Amino acid sequence: MSHTIFPRQVRKIVVALCGSALVVGALPVAAQAASCPETTLIQPFAKIEEKEKVTPNYYSLVAGGAFEAGETAWTLSGGAKVASGGGISALTGKEVKSSLELPKGAVAVSPLTCVEPNDRTFRFLDRNESGNTTLTVSVVYEGLTGRLNEKTVSAATGKELAASAVLHTGAHEAAKLSGGFASMSVRFEATGGTARVDDVYLDPRMRR
């Protein structure tokens, strides 16, 4: 899949790693299924990753992660909503139809996604819409207490919804605790001004 890439604004990633300890709780029976379902794989970040001088990865869209009408809904609170527009997509070079809008204090949590040990990374598009916007991005696992690999990200400035850094799911740890795979949600919280988020993708390495 080819995409037009518009010039990106300089973005800052705050690399402070917050608490990531897990406490094992009662794991659901569903986590003991034979394997995760097959997913459609594409290379949406191909041109971006070529510029980053890395081999383009294959990704699958997290459920509802394009925030389009008819998709599986996320759990939204604190004023979070799916709104029209949101900026120019770094993946297509075009204005997006809709995206996730997160005012300060708002929280959005994705539907559960089945992950295996090789589902180690994810990335998305984000943009600072107003204020000094930061996003706290974390991974939550069903049956486990606590969050893995919580990071604070300064949203991209300018008119473009720009690609985030590659973030880690911690699936290799969670899957070991649950017998081979686990159910994961991605959680976004706006801790500055208003942010826009779109195109949340999981990289299922080795599942192709």
C-alpha atoms as a PDB file:
ATOM      1  CA  MET A   1       0.000   0.000   0.000  1.00  0.00           C
ATOM      2  CA  SER A   2       1.501   3.302  -1.044  1.00  0.00           C
ATOM      3  CA  HIS A   3       0.934   6.604   0.726  1.00  0.00           C
ATOM      4  CA  THR A   4       1.902  10.219   0.161  1.00  0.00           C
ATOM      5  CA  ILE A   5       3.931  11.649   3.013  1.00  0.00           C
ATOM      6  CA  PHE A   6       3.701  15.336   3.873  1.00  0.00           C
ATOM      7  CA  PRO A   7       6.597  17.041   5.721  1.00  0.00           C
ATOM      8  CA  ARG A   8       6.458  16.289   9.420  1.00  0.00           C
ATOM      9  CA  GLN A   9       6.751  18.746  12.273  1.00  0.00           C
ATOM     10  CA  VAL A  10       9.406  18.024  14.856  1.00  0.00           C
ATOM     11  CA  ARG A  11       7.907  15.946  17.651  1.00  0.00           C
ATOM     12  CA  LYS A  12       9.244  15.163  21.099  1.00  0.00           C
ATOM     13  CA  ILE A  13       8.827  11.846  22.826  1.00  0.00           C
ATOM     14  CA  VAL A  14       9.247  11.905  26.573  1.00  0.00           C
ATOM     15  CA  VAL A  15      10.926   8.599  27.268  1.00  0.00           C
ATOM     16  CA  ALA A  16      10.288   8.420  30.980  1.00  0.00           C
ATOM     17  CA  LEU A  17       8.946   4.956  31.686  1.00  0.00           C
ATOM     18  CA  CYS A  18       6.268   4.997  34.351  1.00  0.00           C
ATOM     19  CA  GLY A  19       5.386   2.143  36.706  1.00  0.00           C
ATOM     20  CA  SER A  20       4.936  -1.048  34.760  1.00  0.00           C
ATOM     21  CA  ALA A  21       4.654  -3.771  37.398  1.00  0.00           C
ATOM     22  CA  LEU A  22       1.936  -6.368  36.908  1.00  0.00           C
ATOM     23  CA  VAL A  23      -0.002  -8.263  39.511  1.00  0.00           C
ATOM     24  CA  VAL A  24      -1.396 -11.579  38.320  1.00  0.00           C
ATOM     25  CA  GLY A  25      -5.146 -11.878  38.849  1.00  0.00           C
ATOM     26  CA  ALA A  26      -7.662 -14.468  37.767  1.00  0.00           C
ATOM     27  CA  LEU A  27      -7.139 -15.050  34.068  1.00  0.00           C
ATOM     28  CA  PRO A  28     -10.237 -15.544  31.909  1.00  0.00           C
ATOM     29  CA  VAL A  29     -10.946 -18.924  30.354  1.00  0.00           C
ATOM     30  CA  ALA A  30     -11.078 -17.224  26.934  1.00  0.00           C
ATOM     31  CA  ALA A  31      -7.340 -16.601  27.189  1.00  0.00           C
ATOM     32  CA  GLN A  32      -6.787 -20.344  26.840  1.00  0.00           C
ATOM     33  CA  ALA A  33      -8.093 -20.568  23.236  1.00  0.00           C
ATOM     34  CA  ALA A  34      -5.891 -22.257  20.639  1.00  0.00           C
ATOM     35  CA  SER A  35      -4.570 -19.073  19.050  1.00  0.00           C
ATOM     36  CA  CYS A  36      -5.498 -15.511  18.133  1.00  0.00           C
ATOM     37  CA  PRO A  37      -7.710 -15.045  15.042  1.00  0.00           C
ATOM     38  CA  GLU A  38      -6.043 -14.194  11.748  1.00  0.00           C
ATOM     39  CA  THR A  39      -5.994 -10.480  10.911  1.00  0.00           C
ATOM     40  CA  THR A  40      -5.656  -8.425   7.733  1.00  0.00           C
ATOM     41  CA  LEU A  41      -2.082  -7.175   7.443  1.00  0.00           C
ATOM     42  CA  ILE A  42      -0.976  -4.033   5.595  1.00  0.00           C
ATOM     43  CA  GLN A  43       2.008  -1.663   5.613  1.00  0.00           C
ATOM     44  CA  PRO A  44       0.415   1.731   6.335  1.00  0.00           C
ATOM     45  CA  PHE A  45       3.638   3.253   7.711  1.00  0.00           C
ATOM     46  CA  ALA A  46       5.857   1.965   4.875  1.00  0.00           C
ATOM     47  CA  LYS A  47       7.125   5.315   3.535  1.00  0.00           C
ATOM     48  CA  ILE A  48       7.534   6.714   7.037  1.00  0.00           C
ATOM     49  CA  GLU A  49       9.531   3.681   8.149  1.00  0.00           C
ATOM     50  CA  GLU A  50      11.685   3.825   5.018  1.00  0.00           C
ATOM     51  CA  LYS A  51      12.571   7.422   5.959  1.00  0.00           C
ATOM     52  CA  GLU A  52      13.331   6.155   9.459  1.00  0.00           C
ATOM     53  CA  LYS A  53      15.709   3.677   7.775  1.00  0.00           C
ATOM     54  CA  VAL A  54      13.957   0.605   9.110  1.00  0.00           C
ATOM     55  CA  THR A  55      12.321  -2.272   7.268  1.00  0.00           C
ATOM     56  CA  PRO A  56       8.596  -1.483   6.889  1.00  0.00           C
ATOM     57  CA  ASN A  57       6.511  -3.533   9.298  1.00  0.00           C
ATOM     58  CA  TYR A  58       3.163  -5.205   8.708  1.00  0.00           C
ATOM     59  CA  TYR A  59       0.312  -3.997  10.902  1.00  0.00           C
ATOM     60  CA  SER A  60      -3.295  -4.843  11.696  1.00  0.00           C
ATOM     61  CA  LEU A  61      -5.785  -2.163  12.679  1.00  0.00           C
ATOM     62  CA  VAL A  62      -6.877  -2.270  16.313  1.00  0.00           C
ATOM     63  CA  ALA A  63     -10.670  -2.709  16.461  1.00  0.00           C
ATOM     64  CA  GLY A  64     -12.275   0.678  15.813  1.00  0.00           C
ATOM     65  CA  GLY A  65      -8.828   2.223  15.466  1.00  0.00           C
ATOM     66  CA  ALA A  66      -9.686   4.254  12.347  1.00  0.00           C
ATOM     67  CA  PHE A  67     -12.608   5.921  14.198  1.00  0.00           C
ATOM     68  CA  GLU A  68     -14.947   5.682  11.226  1.00  0.00           C
ATOM     69  CA  ALA A  69     -18.727   5.223  11.272  1.00  0.00           C
ATOM     70  CA  GLY A  70     -19.822   1.642  11.796  1.00  0.00           C
ATOM     71  CA  GLU A  71     -16.602   0.486  13.452  1.00  0.00           C
ATOM     72  CA  THR A  72     -16.407  -1.168  16.859  1.00  0.00           C
ATOM     73  CA  ALA A  73     -16.711   1.564  19.493  1.00  0.00           C
ATOM     74  CA  TRP A  74     -14.070   2.429  22.067  1.00  0.00           C
ATOM     75  CA  THR A  75     -14.915   3.181  25.704  1.00  0.00           C
ATOM     76  CA  LEU A  76     -14.832   6.978  26.044  1.00  0.00           C
ATOM     77  CA  SER A  77     -14.984   9.201  29.141  1.00  0.00           C
ATOM     78  CA  GLY A  78     -14.158  12.712  30.317  1.00  0.00           C
ATOM     79  CA  GLY A  79     -15.312  14.373  27.098  1.00  0.00           C
ATOM     80  CA  ALA A  80     -13.544  12.022  24.672  1.00  0.00           C
ATOM     81  CA  LYS A  81     -15.464  11.614  21.411  1.00  0.00           C
ATOM     82  CA  VAL A  82     -15.150  10.655  17.774  1.00  0.00           C
ATOM     83  CA  ALA A  83     -15.331  13.941  15.848  1.00  0.00           C
ATOM     84  CA  SER A  84     -15.134  14.954  12.207  1.00  0.00           C
ATOM     85  CA  GLY A  85     -11.772  15.919  10.706  1.00  0.00           C
ATOM     86  CA  GLY A  86      -8.715  16.306  12.882  1.00  0.00           C
ATOM     87  CA  GLY A  87      -5.899  17.085  10.466  1.00  0.00           C
ATOM     88  CA  ILE A  88      -3.969  15.813   7.471  1.00  0.00           C
ATOM     89  CA  SER A  89      -3.053  12.129   7.704  1.00  0.00           C
ATOM     90  CA  ALA A  90       0.669  11.393   7.470  1.00  0.00           C
ATOM     91  CA  LEU A  91      -0.329   8.089   5.854  1.00  0.00           C
ATOM     92  CA  THR A  92      -2.442   9.438   2.986  1.00  0.00           C
ATOM     93  CA  GLY A  93      -1.661  13.154   2.758  1.00  0.00           C
ATOM     94  CA  LYS A  94      -5.398  13.851   2.919  1.00  0.00           C
ATOM     95  CA  GLU A  95      -7.716  15.336   5.545  1.00  0.00           C
ATOM     96  CA  VAL A  96      -9.129  12.538   7.681  1.00  0.00           C
ATOM     97  CA  LYS A  97     -12.906  12.087   7.768  1.00  0.00           C
ATOM     98  CA  SER A  98     -12.974  11.609  11.526  1.00  0.00           C
ATOM     99  CA  SER A  99     -10.653  10.968  14.456  1.00  0.00           C
ATOM    100  CA  LEU A 100     -10.612  10.585  18.214  1.00  0.00           C
ATOM    101  CA  GLU A 101     -10.791  13.921  20.036  1.00  0.00           C
ATOM    102  CA  LEU A 102      -9.357  13.995  23.561  1.00  0.00           C
ATOM    103  CA  PRO A 103      -9.687  17.198  25.609  1.00  0.00           C
ATOM    104  CA  LYS A 104      -7.616  17.529  28.772  1.00  0.00           C
ATOM    105  CA  GLY A 105      -8.500  14.755  31.215  1.00  0.00           C
ATOM    106  CA  ALA A 106     -10.363  12.636  28.646  1.00  0.00           C
ATOM    107  CA  VAL A 107      -9.751   8.885  28.409  1.00  0.00           C
ATOM    108  CA  ALA A 108     -10.301   6.426  25.541  1.00  0.00           C
ATOM    109  CA  VAL A 109      -9.837   2.653  25.813  1.00  0.00           C
ATOM    110  CA  SER A 110      -9.844   0.313  22.821  1.00  0.00           C
ATOM    111  CA  PRO A 111     -11.869  -2.908  22.657  1.00  0.00           C
ATOM    112  CA  LEU A 112      -9.961  -6.007  23.747  1.00  0.00           C
ATOM    113  CA  THR A 113      -7.523  -7.362  21.172  1.00  0.00           C
ATOM    114  CA  CYS A 114      -6.080 -10.884  21.256  1.00  0.00           C
ATOM    115  CA  VAL A 115      -2.262 -10.765  21.304  1.00  0.00           C
ATOM    116  CA  GLU A 116       0.482 -13.377  21.197  1.00  0.00           C
ATOM    117  CA  PRO A 117       4.113 -13.044  22.359  1.00  0.00           C
ATOM    118  CA  ASN A 118       5.217 -11.657  18.978  1.00  0.00           C
ATOM    119  CA  ASP A 119       2.634  -8.839  19.004  1.00  0.00           C
ATOM    120  CA  ARG A 120       5.224  -6.577  20.562  1.00  0.00           C
ATOM    121  CA  THR A 121       4.659  -3.085  19.173  1.00  0.00           C
ATOM    122  CA  PHE A 122       2.003  -0.602  18.132  1.00  0.00           C
ATOM    123  CA  ARG A 123       1.860   2.922  16.742  1.00  0.00           C
ATOM    124  CA  PHE A 124      -0.718   5.504  15.757  1.00  0.00           C
ATOM    125  CA  LEU A 125      -1.226   9.034  14.460  1.00  0.00           C
ATOM    126  CA  ASP A 126      -1.603  12.004  16.785  1.00  0.00           C
ATOM    127  CA  ARG A 127      -1.823  15.780  16.669  1.00  0.00           C
ATOM    128  CA  ASN A 128      -1.832  18.655  19.129  1.00  0.00           C
ATOM    129  CA  GLU A 129      -5.095  20.522  18.520  1.00  0.00           C
ATOM    130  CA  SER A 130      -4.820  23.065  21.316  1.00  0.00           C
ATOM    131  CA  GLY A 131      -2.652  23.813  24.331  1.00  0.00           C
ATOM    132  CA  ASN A 132       0.534  22.059  25.404  1.00  0.00           C
ATOM    133  CA  THR A 133      -0.833  18.624  24.619  1.00  0.00           C
ATOM    134  CA  THR A 134       0.523  15.379  25.993  1.00  0.00           C
ATOM    135  CA  LEU A 135      -0.916  11.884  25.867  1.00  0.00           C
ATOM    136  CA  THR A 136      -0.401   9.179  28.452  1.00  0.00           C
ATOM    137  CA  VAL A 137      -0.445   5.974  26.420  1.00  0.00           C
ATOM    138  CA  SER A 138      -0.631   2.641  28.206  1.00  0.00           C
ATOM    139  CA  VAL A 139      -1.532  -1.005  27.678  1.00  0.00           C
ATOM    140  CA  VAL A 140      -4.056  -2.796  29.882  1.00  0.00           C
ATOM    141  CA  TYR A 141      -4.496  -6.577  29.989  1.00  0.00           C
ATOM    142  CA  GLU A 142      -7.658  -8.453  30.898  1.00  0.00           C
ATOM    143  CA  GLY A 143      -7.093 -10.521  34.035  1.00  0.00           C
ATOM    144  CA  LEU A 144      -3.969  -8.586  35.046  1.00  0.00           C
ATOM    145  CA  THR A 145      -3.828  -5.622  37.404  1.00  0.00           C
ATOM    146  CA  GLY A 146      -1.664  -2.681  36.357  1.00  0.00           C
ATOM    147  CA  ARG A 147      -0.428  -1.258  33.071  1.00  0.00           C
ATOM    148  CA  LEU A 148       2.510  -2.235  30.923  1.00  0.00           C
ATOM    149  CA  ASN A 149       4.854   0.224  29.245  1.00  0.00           C
ATOM    150  CA  GLU A 150       2.982   3.406  30.089  1.00  0.00           C
ATOM    151  CA  LYS A 151       4.581   6.404  28.364  1.00  0.00           C
ATOM    152  CA  THR A 152       3.937  10.102  28.041  1.00  0.00           C
ATOM    153  CA  VAL A 153       3.961  11.357  24.465  1.00  0.00           C
ATOM    154  CA  SER A 154       3.981  14.997  23.350  1.00  0.00           C
ATOM    155  CA  ALA A 155       1.500  15.189  20.489  1.00  0.00           C
ATOM    156  CA  ALA A 156       2.696  16.383  17.085  1.00  0.00           C
ATOM    157  CA  THR A 157       2.329  20.082  16.288  1.00  0.00           C
ATOM    158  CA  GLY A 158       1.074  21.535  13.021  1.00  0.00           C
ATOM    159  CA  LYS A 159      -1.756  20.513  10.717  1.00  0.00           C
ATOM    160  CA  GLU A 160      -0.641  16.907  10.296  1.00  0.00           C
ATOM    161  CA  LEU A 161      -1.667  13.836  12.225  1.00  0.00           C
ATOM    162  CA  ALA A 162       1.882  12.489  12.471  1.00  0.00           C
ATOM    163  CA  ALA A 163       3.127   9.000  13.252  1.00  0.00           C
ATOM    164  CA  SER A 164       3.960   8.229  16.857  1.00  0.00           C
ATOM    165  CA  ALA A 165       7.097   6.462  17.930  1.00  0.00           C
ATOM    166  CA  VAL A 166       6.922   2.664  17.948  1.00  0.00           C
ATOM    167  CA  LEU A 167       5.584   1.737  21.393  1.00  0.00           C
ATOM    168  CA  HIS A 168       5.724  -1.641  23.118  1.00  0.00           C
ATOM    169  CA  THR A 169       2.764  -3.770  24.154  1.00  0.00           C
ATOM    170  CA  GLY A 170       4.474  -5.991  26.723  1.00  0.00           C
ATOM    171  CA  ALA A 171       2.621  -8.910  25.092  1.00  0.00           C
ATOM    172  CA  HIS A 172       5.579 -11.252  25.459  1.00  0.00           C
ATOM    173  CA  GLU A 173       5.299 -10.844  29.235  1.00  0.00           C
ATOM    174  CA  ALA A 174       1.524 -10.955  29.504  1.00  0.00           C
ATOM    175  CA  ALA A 175       1.194 -13.943  27.162  1.00  0.00           C
ATOM    176  CA  LYS A 176       3.604 -15.992  29.265  1.00  0.00           C
ATOM    177  CA  LEU A 177       1.448 -15.374  32.317  1.00  0.00           C
ATOM    178  CA  SER A 178      -1.745 -16.391  30.531  1.00  0.00           C
ATOM    179  CA  GLY A 179      -0.602 -19.552  28.791  1.00  0.00           C
ATOM    180  CA  GLY A 180       0.457 -18.272  25.396  1.00  0.00           C
ATOM    181  CA  PHE A 181      -1.602 -15.180  24.584  1.00  0.00           C
ATOM    182  CA  ALA A 182      -3.746 -12.531  26.245  1.00  0.00           C
ATOM    183  CA  SER A 183      -6.432  -9.880  25.701  1.00  0.00           C
ATOM    184  CA  MET A 184      -5.072  -6.331  25.473  1.00  0.00           C
ATOM    185  CA  SER A 185      -6.546  -2.829  25.344  1.00  0.00           C
ATOM    186  CA  VAL A 186      -4.754   0.388  24.393  1.00  0.00           C
ATOM    187  CA  ARG A 187      -5.557   3.327  26.682  1.00  0.00           C
ATOM    188  CA  PHE A 188      -5.109   7.015  25.839  1.00  0.00           C
ATOM    189  CA  GLU A 189      -5.432   9.855  28.351  1.00  0.00           C
ATOM    190  CA  ALA A 190      -4.989  13.525  27.459  1.00  0.00           C
ATOM    191  CA  THR A 191      -2.844  15.125  30.148  1.00  0.00           C
ATOM    192  CA  GLY A 192      -2.322  18.508  28.475  1.00  0.00           C
ATOM    193  CA  GLY A 193      -4.534  20.354  26.004  1.00  0.00           C
ATOM    194  CA  THR A 194      -6.737  18.774  23.332  1.00  0.00           C
ATOM    195  CA  ALA A 195      -5.301  15.956  21.227  1.00  0.00           C
ATOM    196  CA  ARG A 196      -6.459  14.096  18.132  1.00  0.00           C
ATOM    197  CA  VAL A 197      -5.661  10.409  17.601  1.00  0.00           C
ATOM    198  CA  ASP A 198      -6.259   8.229  14.549  1.00  0.00           C
ATOM    199  CA  ASP A 199      -5.212   4.964  12.877  1.00  0.00           C
ATOM    200  CA  VAL A 200      -4.141   2.842  15.859  1.00  0.00           C
ATOM    201  CA  TYR A 201      -2.207  -0.172  14.507  1.00  0.00           C
ATOM    202  CA  LEU A 202      -0.733  -3.284  16.132  1.00  0.00           C
ATOM    203  CA  ASP A 203       2.353  -4.963  14.658  1.00  0.00           C
ATOM    204  CA  PRO A 204       1.766  -8.742  14.772  1.00  0.00           C
ATOM    205  CA  ARG A 205       5.322  -9.871  14.045  1.00  0.00           C
ATOM    206  CA  MET A 206       5.796 -13.403  12.799  1.00  0.00           C
ATOM    207  CA  ARG A 207       2.036 -13.943  12.364  1.00  0.00           C
ATOM    208  CA  ARG A 208       2.162 -13.802   8.570  1.00  0.00           C
END
